[in-house]
Amino acid sequence: MTSLARVSTYFPKDREVTTRNKVCQLGAAAALCGAIAWLYRSRTSPWIAGGVGVMTGIFVMIRYIDAADSEGRSALHNSVIKGHSTLAKTLLLFGANPNTADHRYLTPVYTAADRVYAVADPENIHLLKTLVAARGNIRQTLYRAIEDVDGRVVTALLAHTRTDTKIVYEGSKTDYPLVHAQRVLQLVNKEEYKQGPEDLRTLDEFKKDAQVIVNLLENPTWGDYSHRFR
């Protein structure tokens, strides 16, 4: 059985943790332990474990399951980052939001797509598809990746989620992903588009990646990993 201590490590822990967030951590951890114990039929009585999981899970789902840490990351964020798909799926089962953004505006769906590009094993791919099936916002993720010139995420989305490249961008009926990527490419080539402070790519690499993203959207090939992004 997954221990309460281990599960609770995936929930926000800051020096300035409020009482409500403490309740969130304990309640959600108890819910996960109960649910996992019931699913795997451990030595714990399935009736007791299931009862604890259902009662605490409903409470956490309504109020506290998306509580964030100092970086804006929820328990679902941390589970995806650490590659623990079982915990992530259990959190989704209890109502965790796959579209909650952290302070860098990255969602669990975005993070999962990046993991798939790094290691395209069946577990990571299945987790990405599970997040999408749980109403993960593909359009939001795709446009964020285009704006970040993040070909890793664009590639993973095209390869494993059958992303519709004609999805209309929010706020405009004509700004499709390809049009948006072409606009970003123009700004990058004019050196009017600045890289993020954590971006270690050279300017030439940045320009090349922006061009490759446009090429991917012009001729999407499912599972095409021919160009390796950093």
C-alpha atoms as a PDB file:
ATOM      1  CA  MET A   1       0.000   0.000   0.000  1.00  0.00           C
ATOM      2  CA  THR A   2       1.204   3.511  -0.825  1.00  0.00           C
ATOM      3  CA  SER A   3       2.139   5.183   2.437  1.00  0.00           C
ATOM      4  CA  LEU A   4       0.499   8.397   3.605  1.00  0.00           C
ATOM      5  CA  ALA A   5       3.928  10.012   3.938  1.00  0.00           C
ATOM      6  CA  ARG A   6       4.890   9.190   0.370  1.00  0.00           C
ATOM      7  CA  VAL A   7       1.636  10.382  -1.160  1.00  0.00           C
ATOM      8  CA  SER A   8       1.620  13.607   0.842  1.00  0.00           C
ATOM      9  CA  THR A   9       4.975  14.605  -0.670  1.00  0.00           C
ATOM     10  CA  TYR A  10       3.185  15.387  -3.936  1.00  0.00           C
ATOM     11  CA  PHE A  11       1.060  18.077  -2.326  1.00  0.00           C
ATOM     12  CA  PRO A  12       2.123  21.711  -1.858  1.00  0.00           C
ATOM     13  CA  LYS A  13       4.477  22.305   1.060  1.00  0.00           C
ATOM     14  CA  ASP A  14       5.724  25.802   1.800  1.00  0.00           C
ATOM     15  CA  ARG A  15       7.090  27.569   4.827  1.00  0.00           C
ATOM     16  CA  GLU A  16       3.966  29.713   4.808  1.00  0.00           C
ATOM     17  CA  VAL A  17       1.418  26.927   4.571  1.00  0.00           C
ATOM     18  CA  THR A  18      -2.063  27.914   5.663  1.00  0.00           C
ATOM     19  CA  THR A  19      -4.283  25.746   7.822  1.00  0.00           C
ATOM     20  CA  ARG A  20      -6.529  25.142   4.849  1.00  0.00           C
ATOM     21  CA  ASN A  21      -3.638  23.873   2.745  1.00  0.00           C
ATOM     22  CA  LYS A  22      -2.613  21.526   5.559  1.00  0.00           C
ATOM     23  CA  VAL A  23      -6.136  20.119   5.543  1.00  0.00           C
ATOM     24  CA  CYS A  24      -5.834  19.776   1.781  1.00  0.00           C
ATOM     25  CA  GLN A  25      -2.607  17.802   2.045  1.00  0.00           C
ATOM     26  CA  LEU A  26      -3.833  15.430   4.729  1.00  0.00           C
ATOM     27  CA  GLY A  27      -7.289  14.976   3.253  1.00  0.00           C
ATOM     28  CA  ALA A  28      -6.083  14.398  -0.285  1.00  0.00           C
ATOM     29  CA  ALA A  29      -3.319  12.050   0.855  1.00  0.00           C
ATOM     30  CA  ALA A  30      -5.840  10.028   2.865  1.00  0.00           C
ATOM     31  CA  ALA A  31      -8.140   9.916  -0.156  1.00  0.00           C
ATOM     32  CA  LEU A  32      -5.356   8.630  -2.393  1.00  0.00           C
ATOM     33  CA  CYS A  33      -4.251   6.006   0.102  1.00  0.00           C
ATOM     34  CA  GLY A  34      -7.781   4.789   0.547  1.00  0.00           C
ATOM     35  CA  ALA A  35      -8.508   4.680  -3.168  1.00  0.00           C
ATOM     36  CA  ILE A  36      -5.251   2.930  -4.055  1.00  0.00           C
ATOM     37  CA  ALA A  37      -5.696   0.408  -1.278  1.00  0.00           C
ATOM     38  CA  TRP A  38      -9.203  -0.353  -2.455  1.00  0.00           C
ATOM     39  CA  LEU A  39      -8.144  -0.651  -6.110  1.00  0.00           C
ATOM     40  CA  TYR A  40      -5.276  -3.006  -5.353  1.00  0.00           C
ATOM     41  CA  ARG A  41      -7.099  -5.012  -2.670  1.00  0.00           C
ATOM     42  CA  SER A  42      -4.354  -4.675  -0.116  1.00  0.00           C
ATOM     43  CA  ARG A  43      -4.496  -6.109   3.401  1.00  0.00           C
ATOM     44  CA  THR A  44      -6.549  -3.105   4.444  1.00  0.00           C
ATOM     45  CA  SER A  45     -10.239  -3.923   4.369  1.00  0.00           C
ATOM     46  CA  PRO A  46     -11.519  -2.774   0.981  1.00  0.00           C
ATOM     47  CA  TRP A  47     -14.739  -1.499   2.577  1.00  0.00           C
ATOM     48  CA  ILE A  48     -12.882   0.677   5.096  1.00  0.00           C
ATOM     49  CA  ALA A  49     -10.310   1.879   2.583  1.00  0.00           C
ATOM     50  CA  GLY A  50     -12.950   2.583  -0.037  1.00  0.00           C
ATOM     51  CA  GLY A  51     -15.109   4.452   2.472  1.00  0.00           C
ATOM     52  CA  VAL A  52     -12.217   6.644   3.558  1.00  0.00           C
ATOM     53  CA  GLY A  53     -11.272   7.310  -0.050  1.00  0.00           C
ATOM     54  CA  VAL A  54     -14.800   8.272  -1.114  1.00  0.00           C
ATOM     55  CA  MET A  55     -15.592  10.529   1.862  1.00  0.00           C
ATOM     56  CA  THR A  56     -12.316  12.399   1.930  1.00  0.00           C
ATOM     57  CA  GLY A  57     -12.055  12.413  -1.855  1.00  0.00           C
ATOM     58  CA  ILE A  58     -15.385  14.224  -2.273  1.00  0.00           C
ATOM     59  CA  PHE A  59     -14.317  16.837   0.269  1.00  0.00           C
ATOM     60  CA  VAL A  60     -10.943  17.377  -1.391  1.00  0.00           C
ATOM     61  CA  MET A  61     -12.394  17.389  -4.902  1.00  0.00           C
ATOM     62  CA  ILE A  62     -14.806  20.204  -4.060  1.00  0.00           C
ATOM     63  CA  ARG A  63     -12.474  22.533  -2.221  1.00  0.00           C
ATOM     64  CA  TYR A  64      -8.782  21.731  -1.986  1.00  0.00           C
ATOM     65  CA  ILE A  65      -7.360  19.316  -4.532  1.00  0.00           C
ATOM     66  CA  ASP A  66      -5.903  22.060  -6.761  1.00  0.00           C
ATOM     67  CA  ALA A  67      -4.131  23.940  -3.945  1.00  0.00           C
ATOM     68  CA  ALA A  68      -0.820  25.342  -5.201  1.00  0.00           C
ATOM     69  CA  ASP A  69       2.668  25.694  -3.732  1.00  0.00           C
ATOM     70  CA  SER A  70       4.958  28.733  -3.971  1.00  0.00           C
ATOM     71  CA  GLU A  71       5.626  27.984  -7.651  1.00  0.00           C
ATOM     72  CA  GLY A  72       1.922  27.678  -8.429  1.00  0.00           C
ATOM     73  CA  ARG A  73       2.096  23.910  -8.872  1.00  0.00           C
ATOM     74  CA  SER A  74      -0.704  21.655  -7.753  1.00  0.00           C
ATOM     75  CA  ALA A  75      -0.415  18.032  -6.682  1.00  0.00           C
ATOM     76  CA  LEU A  76      -1.243  17.027 -10.261  1.00  0.00           C
ATOM     77  CA  HIS A  77       1.629  19.167 -11.550  1.00  0.00           C
ATOM     78  CA  ASN A  78       4.077  17.503  -9.171  1.00  0.00           C
ATOM     79  CA  SER A  79       2.851  13.995  -9.980  1.00  0.00           C
ATOM     80  CA  VAL A  80       3.322  14.587 -13.715  1.00  0.00           C
ATOM     81  CA  ILE A  81       6.749  16.193 -13.227  1.00  0.00           C
ATOM     82  CA  LYS A  82       7.942  13.213 -11.181  1.00  0.00           C
ATOM     83  CA  GLY A  83       6.444  10.731 -13.637  1.00  0.00           C
ATOM     84  CA  HIS A  84       4.068   9.033 -11.199  1.00  0.00           C
ATOM     85  CA  SER A  85       1.183   8.276 -13.516  1.00  0.00           C
ATOM     86  CA  THR A  86      -0.830   6.238 -10.989  1.00  0.00           C
ATOM     87  CA  LEU A  87      -1.032   9.176  -8.583  1.00  0.00           C
ATOM     88  CA  ALA A  88      -1.809  11.585 -11.422  1.00  0.00           C
ATOM     89  CA  LYS A  89      -4.662   9.389 -12.662  1.00  0.00           C
ATOM     90  CA  THR A  90      -6.040   9.075  -9.129  1.00  0.00           C
ATOM     91  CA  LEU A  91      -5.968  12.855  -8.727  1.00  0.00           C
ATOM     92  CA  LEU A  92      -7.873  13.209 -12.001  1.00  0.00           C
ATOM     93  CA  LEU A  93     -10.371  10.673 -10.710  1.00  0.00           C
ATOM     94  CA  PHE A  94     -11.008  12.943  -7.716  1.00  0.00           C
ATOM     95  CA  GLY A  95     -11.478  16.034  -9.862  1.00  0.00           C
ATOM     96  CA  ALA A  96      -8.024  17.596 -10.256  1.00  0.00           C
ATOM     97  CA  ASN A  97      -7.908  20.238 -12.986  1.00  0.00           C
ATOM     98  CA  PRO A  98      -5.454  19.386 -15.824  1.00  0.00           C
ATOM     99  CA  ASN A  99      -5.547  23.012 -17.039  1.00  0.00           C
ATOM    100  CA  THR A 100      -4.344  24.743 -13.867  1.00  0.00           C
ATOM    101  CA  ALA A 101      -1.293  26.856 -14.746  1.00  0.00           C
ATOM    102  CA  ASP A 102       1.689  27.443 -12.472  1.00  0.00           C
ATOM    103  CA  HIS A 103       3.587  30.731 -12.175  1.00  0.00           C
ATOM    104  CA  ARG A 104       5.298  30.017 -15.511  1.00  0.00           C
ATOM    105  CA  TYR A 105       1.875  29.475 -17.111  1.00  0.00           C
ATOM    106  CA  LEU A 106       2.603  25.785 -17.651  1.00  0.00           C
ATOM    107  CA  THR A 107      -0.201  23.271 -17.153  1.00  0.00           C
ATOM    108  CA  PRO A 108       0.002  19.542 -16.341  1.00  0.00           C
ATOM    109  CA  VAL A 109      -0.881  18.840 -19.995  1.00  0.00           C
ATOM    110  CA  TYR A 110       2.073  20.969 -21.163  1.00  0.00           C
ATOM    111  CA  THR A 111       4.426  19.241 -18.727  1.00  0.00           C
ATOM    112  CA  ALA A 112       3.185  15.791 -19.752  1.00  0.00           C
ATOM    113  CA  ALA A 113       3.771  16.587 -23.444  1.00  0.00           C
ATOM    114  CA  ASP A 114       7.321  17.692 -22.659  1.00  0.00           C
ATOM    115  CA  ARG A 115       7.929  14.408 -20.795  1.00  0.00           C
ATOM    116  CA  VAL A 116       6.625  12.430 -23.767  1.00  0.00           C
ATOM    117  CA  TYR A 117       9.107  14.158 -26.067  1.00  0.00           C
ATOM    118  CA  ALA A 118      11.965  13.384 -23.671  1.00  0.00           C
ATOM    119  CA  VAL A 119      10.950   9.753 -23.098  1.00  0.00           C
ATOM    120  CA  ALA A 120       8.242   8.473 -25.444  1.00  0.00           C
ATOM    121  CA  ASP A 121       7.480   5.335 -23.461  1.00  0.00           C
ATOM    122  CA  PRO A 122       3.927   3.887 -23.288  1.00  0.00           C
ATOM    123  CA  GLU A 123       3.347   5.099 -19.708  1.00  0.00           C
ATOM    124  CA  ASN A 124       4.149   8.740 -20.480  1.00  0.00           C
ATOM    125  CA  ILE A 125       2.096   8.658 -23.679  1.00  0.00           C
ATOM    126  CA  HIS A 126      -0.862   7.107 -21.853  1.00  0.00           C
ATOM    127  CA  LEU A 127      -0.654   9.756 -19.126  1.00  0.00           C
ATOM    128  CA  LEU A 128      -0.737  12.550 -21.739  1.00  0.00           C
ATOM    129  CA  LYS A 129      -3.775  10.986 -23.387  1.00  0.00           C
ATOM    130  CA  THR A 130      -5.436  10.562 -19.991  1.00  0.00           C
ATOM    131  CA  LEU A 131      -4.954  14.261 -19.221  1.00  0.00           C
ATOM    132  CA  VAL A 132      -6.420  15.174 -22.611  1.00  0.00           C
ATOM    133  CA  ALA A 133      -9.349  12.828 -22.038  1.00  0.00           C
ATOM    134  CA  ALA A 134      -9.947  14.575 -18.698  1.00  0.00           C
ATOM    135  CA  ARG A 135     -10.683  17.777 -20.659  1.00  0.00           C
ATOM    136  CA  GLY A 136      -7.105  18.915 -20.876  1.00  0.00           C
ATOM    137  CA  ASN A 137      -7.029  22.001 -23.077  1.00  0.00           C
ATOM    138  CA  ILE A 138      -5.079  21.045 -26.213  1.00  0.00           C
ATOM    139  CA  ARG A 139      -5.605  24.429 -27.864  1.00  0.00           C
ATOM    140  CA  GLN A 140      -4.235  26.306 -24.870  1.00  0.00           C
ATOM    141  CA  THR A 141      -1.240  23.967 -24.680  1.00  0.00           C
ATOM    142  CA  LEU A 142      -0.476  24.180 -28.399  1.00  0.00           C
ATOM    143  CA  TYR A 143      -0.582  27.971 -28.482  1.00  0.00           C
ATOM    144  CA  ARG A 144       1.527  28.250 -25.365  1.00  0.00           C
ATOM    145  CA  ALA A 145       4.135  25.974 -26.973  1.00  0.00           C
ATOM    146  CA  ILE A 146       4.115  28.082 -30.156  1.00  0.00           C
ATOM    147  CA  GLU A 147       4.596  31.284 -28.166  1.00  0.00           C
ATOM    148  CA  ASP A 148       7.466  29.679 -26.232  1.00  0.00           C
ATOM    149  CA  VAL A 149       8.947  28.329 -29.497  1.00  0.00           C
ATOM    150  CA  ASP A 150       8.834  24.980 -27.736  1.00  0.00           C
ATOM    151  CA  GLY A 151       9.052  22.422 -30.512  1.00  0.00           C
ATOM    152  CA  ARG A 152       9.258  19.589 -27.994  1.00  0.00           C
ATOM    153  CA  VAL A 153       5.671  20.110 -26.881  1.00  0.00           C
ATOM    154  CA  VAL A 154       4.376  20.851 -30.394  1.00  0.00           C
ATOM    155  CA  THR A 155       5.954  17.617 -31.655  1.00  0.00           C
ATOM    156  CA  ALA A 156       4.509  15.506 -28.832  1.00  0.00           C
ATOM    157  CA  LEU A 157       1.019  16.960 -29.280  1.00  0.00           C
ATOM    158  CA  LEU A 158       1.038  16.339 -33.028  1.00  0.00           C
ATOM    159  CA  ALA A 159       2.443  12.853 -32.574  1.00  0.00           C
ATOM    160  CA  HIS A 160       0.221  11.501 -29.836  1.00  0.00           C
ATOM    161  CA  THR A 161      -2.983  13.519 -29.464  1.00  0.00           C
ATOM    162  CA  ARG A 162      -4.060  13.986 -33.091  1.00  0.00           C
ATOM    163  CA  THR A 163      -4.154  17.724 -32.462  1.00  0.00           C
ATOM    164  CA  ASP A 164      -6.345  19.548 -34.959  1.00  0.00           C
ATOM    165  CA  THR A 165      -4.026  22.185 -36.432  1.00  0.00           C
ATOM    166  CA  LYS A 166      -7.069  24.095 -37.686  1.00  0.00           C
ATOM    167  CA  ILE A 167      -8.413  24.762 -34.190  1.00  0.00           C
ATOM    168  CA  VAL A 168      -9.549  28.368 -33.984  1.00  0.00           C
ATOM    169  CA  TYR A 169      -7.489  30.471 -31.625  1.00  0.00           C
ATOM    170  CA  GLU A 170      -9.377  32.115 -28.766  1.00  0.00           C
ATOM    171  CA  GLY A 171     -10.177  35.730 -29.573  1.00  0.00           C
ATOM    172  CA  SER A 172      -9.996  35.397 -33.369  1.00  0.00           C
ATOM    173  CA  LYS A 173     -11.764  33.353 -36.028  1.00  0.00           C
ATOM    174  CA  THR A 174      -8.825  33.504 -38.446  1.00  0.00           C
ATOM    175  CA  ASP A 175      -5.778  33.023 -36.214  1.00  0.00           C
ATOM    176  CA  TYR A 176      -5.050  29.322 -36.603  1.00  0.00           C
ATOM    177  CA  PRO A 177      -1.985  27.681 -35.019  1.00  0.00           C
ATOM    178  CA  LEU A 178      -0.075  27.815 -38.312  1.00  0.00           C
ATOM    179  CA  VAL A 179      -0.819  31.525 -38.763  1.00  0.00           C
ATOM    180  CA  HIS A 180       0.220  32.176 -35.183  1.00  0.00           C
ATOM    181  CA  ALA A 181       3.465  30.223 -35.634  1.00  0.00           C
ATOM    182  CA  GLN A 182       4.256  32.134 -38.829  1.00  0.00           C
ATOM    183  CA  ARG A 183       3.770  35.422 -36.996  1.00  0.00           C
ATOM    184  CA  VAL A 184       6.090  34.292 -34.204  1.00  0.00           C
ATOM    185  CA  LEU A 185       8.680  33.213 -36.808  1.00  0.00           C
ATOM    186  CA  GLN A 186       8.602  36.645 -38.430  1.00  0.00           C
ATOM    187  CA  LEU A 187       9.211  38.340 -35.084  1.00  0.00           C
ATOM    188  CA  VAL A 188      12.007  35.897 -34.224  1.00  0.00           C
ATOM    189  CA  ASN A 189      13.766  36.515 -37.556  1.00  0.00           C
ATOM    190  CA  LYS A 190      13.519  40.265 -36.962  1.00  0.00           C
ATOM    191  CA  GLU A 191      14.965  39.668 -33.489  1.00  0.00           C
ATOM    192  CA  GLU A 192      11.895  41.318 -31.980  1.00  0.00           C
ATOM    193  CA  TYR A 193      10.904  38.217 -30.043  1.00  0.00           C
ATOM    194  CA  LYS A 194      12.845  37.696 -26.838  1.00  0.00           C
ATOM    195  CA  GLN A 195      13.722  34.334 -25.352  1.00  0.00           C
ATOM    196  CA  GLY A 196      12.786  33.482 -21.799  1.00  0.00           C
ATOM    197  CA  PRO A 197      15.403  33.893 -19.045  1.00  0.00           C
ATOM    198  CA  GLU A 198      15.720  30.105 -18.673  1.00  0.00           C
ATOM    199  CA  ASP A 199      16.114  29.460 -22.402  1.00  0.00           C
ATOM    200  CA  LEU A 200      19.673  28.305 -23.105  1.00  0.00           C
ATOM    201  CA  ARG A 201      19.383  28.133 -26.892  1.00  0.00           C
ATOM    202  CA  THR A 202      21.504  30.354 -29.081  1.00  0.00           C
ATOM    203  CA  LEU A 203      19.752  32.863 -31.336  1.00  0.00           C
ATOM    204  CA  ASP A 204      20.414  30.680 -34.395  1.00  0.00           C
ATOM    205  CA  GLU A 205      18.971  27.629 -32.637  1.00  0.00           C
ATOM    206  CA  PHE A 206      15.960  29.692 -31.563  1.00  0.00           C
ATOM    207  CA  LYS A 207      15.330  30.822 -35.153  1.00  0.00           C
ATOM    208  CA  LYS A 208      15.756  27.292 -36.485  1.00  0.00           C
ATOM    209  CA  ASP A 209      13.294  25.846 -33.967  1.00  0.00           C
ATOM    210  CA  ALA A 210      10.725  28.523 -34.848  1.00  0.00           C
ATOM    211  CA  GLN A 211      11.047  27.562 -38.519  1.00  0.00           C
ATOM    212  CA  VAL A 212      10.721  23.842 -37.769  1.00  0.00           C
ATOM    213  CA  ILE A 213       7.517  24.477 -35.784  1.00  0.00           C
ATOM    214  CA  VAL A 214       6.030  26.224 -38.831  1.00  0.00           C
ATOM    215  CA  ASN A 215       7.089  23.267 -41.012  1.00  0.00           C
ATOM    216  CA  LEU A 216       5.487  20.816 -38.567  1.00  0.00           C
ATOM    217  CA  LEU A 217       2.190  22.676 -38.653  1.00  0.00           C
ATOM    218  CA  GLU A 218       2.251  23.046 -42.442  1.00  0.00           C
ATOM    219  CA  ASN A 219       2.762  19.320 -42.961  1.00  0.00           C
ATOM    220  CA  PRO A 220       1.896  17.519 -39.704  1.00  0.00           C
ATOM    221  CA  THR A 221       3.243  13.976 -39.631  1.00  0.00           C
ATOM    222  CA  TRP A 222       2.046  11.848 -36.751  1.00  0.00           C
ATOM    223  CA  GLY A 223       4.995  10.539 -34.768  1.00  0.00           C
ATOM    224  CA  ASP A 224       7.628  12.591 -36.605  1.00  0.00           C
ATOM    225  CA  TYR A 225      10.664  12.993 -34.329  1.00  0.00           C
ATOM    226  CA  SER A 226      13.178  13.642 -37.122  1.00  0.00           C
ATOM    227  CA  HIS A 227      14.144  17.059 -35.746  1.00  0.00           C
ATOM    228  CA  ARG A 228      15.451  16.875 -32.192  1.00  0.00           C
ATOM    229  CA  PHE A 229      14.767  19.980 -30.148  1.00  0.00           C
ATOM    230  CA  ARG A 230      16.872  20.866 -27.109  1.00  0.00           C
END
